[in-house]
Amino acid sequence: MVTGREQFTAWAWAVGLTRPNAAAELMDHGFTPDVLDTLIEDKPARSLLRTGHDVQHVIYGLYQAATPRRTAD
């Protein structure tokens, strides 16, 4: 079982200690730090967060990446 301290450490490493609100928002959406390797606009979500991109933009990108694309019949 993952402790709160371990979870905080994982998120702090993932988004940087200067973005605790970003970590909280991502956690509220049910994301885990491992999804931050997901590419959004050809960059890992982790990089976008660390360089100051808006967390809502990253959350939207993560949802978009998780949604299967439909093809025309």
Protein backbone atom coordinates (compact mmCIF):
# COMPACT_ATOMS: atom_id res chain seq x y z
CA MET A 1 0.00 0.00 0.00
CA VAL A 2 1.28 3.46 -0.92
CA THR A 3 1.49 5.90 1.96
CA GLY A 4 0.54 9.56 1.76
CA ARG A 5 4.20 10.50 2.08
CA GLU A 6 5.18 8.21 -0.82
CA GLN A 7 2.38 9.60 -2.95
CA PHE A 8 3.43 13.17 -2.17
CA THR A 9 7.05 12.33 -3.00
CA ALA A 10 6.00 10.86 -6.37
CA TRP A 11 3.90 13.88 -7.27
CA ALA A 12 6.51 16.36 -6.03
CA TRP A 13 9.08 14.74 -8.28
CA ALA A 14 6.63 14.60 -11.19
CA VAL A 15 5.43 18.20 -11.18
CA GLY A 16 8.07 19.96 -9.11
CA LEU A 17 7.73 21.24 -5.59
CA THR A 18 6.66 24.66 -6.85
CA ARG A 19 3.39 23.22 -8.24
CA PRO A 20 1.55 21.62 -5.30
CA ASN A 21 -1.80 22.89 -6.63
CA ALA A 22 -1.14 21.20 -9.97
CA ALA A 23 -0.52 17.92 -8.20
CA ALA A 24 -3.74 18.30 -6.21
CA GLU A 25 -5.78 19.01 -9.35
CA LEU A 26 -4.32 16.02 -11.17
CA MET A 27 -5.00 13.80 -8.17
CA ASP A 28 -8.59 15.11 -7.99
CA HIS A 29 -9.05 13.91 -11.58
CA GLY A 30 -7.78 10.47 -10.63
CA PHE A 31 -4.46 10.70 -12.44
CA THR A 32 -1.32 9.07 -11.11
CA PRO A 33 2.24 10.32 -11.68
CA ASP A 34 2.95 7.63 -14.28
CA VAL A 35 0.55 9.24 -16.79
CA LEU A 36 2.78 12.30 -16.91
CA ASP A 37 4.92 10.57 -19.54
CA THR A 38 1.93 10.97 -21.90
CA LEU A 39 2.74 13.16 -24.88
CA ILE A 40 0.72 16.34 -25.28
CA GLU A 41 1.67 18.46 -28.28
CA ASP A 42 4.72 16.21 -28.73
CA LYS A 43 5.98 16.90 -25.21
CA PRO A 44 5.58 14.83 -22.05
CA ALA A 45 2.91 16.21 -19.73
CA ARG A 46 5.56 16.28 -17.00
CA SER A 47 7.66 18.73 -19.04
CA LEU A 48 4.69 20.98 -19.70
CA LEU A 49 3.92 21.19 -15.99
CA ARG A 50 7.53 21.79 -15.01
CA THR A 51 7.80 24.67 -17.48
CA GLY A 52 4.70 26.40 -16.15
CA HIS A 53 1.94 25.34 -18.55
CA ASP A 54 -1.57 25.65 -17.19
CA VAL A 55 -2.61 22.49 -15.36
CA GLN A 56 -6.08 22.59 -16.96
CA HIS A 57 -4.44 22.45 -20.39
CA VAL A 58 -2.45 19.40 -19.30
CA ILE A 59 -5.53 17.72 -17.79
CA TYR A 60 -7.42 18.28 -21.05
CA GLY A 61 -4.51 16.82 -23.00
CA LEU A 62 -4.38 13.76 -20.75
CA TYR A 63 -8.09 13.14 -21.26
CA GLN A 64 -7.70 13.59 -25.01
CA ALA A 65 -4.82 11.10 -25.10
CA ALA A 66 -6.88 8.56 -23.15
CA THR A 67 -9.89 8.82 -25.46
CA PRO A 68 -9.77 6.38 -28.40
CA ARG A 69 -10.01 8.10 -31.74
CA ARG A 70 -12.93 7.12 -33.92
CA THR A 71 -12.48 6.41 -37.56
CA ALA A 72 -15.06 7.00 -40.24
CA ASP A 73 -16.87 3.87 -41.45
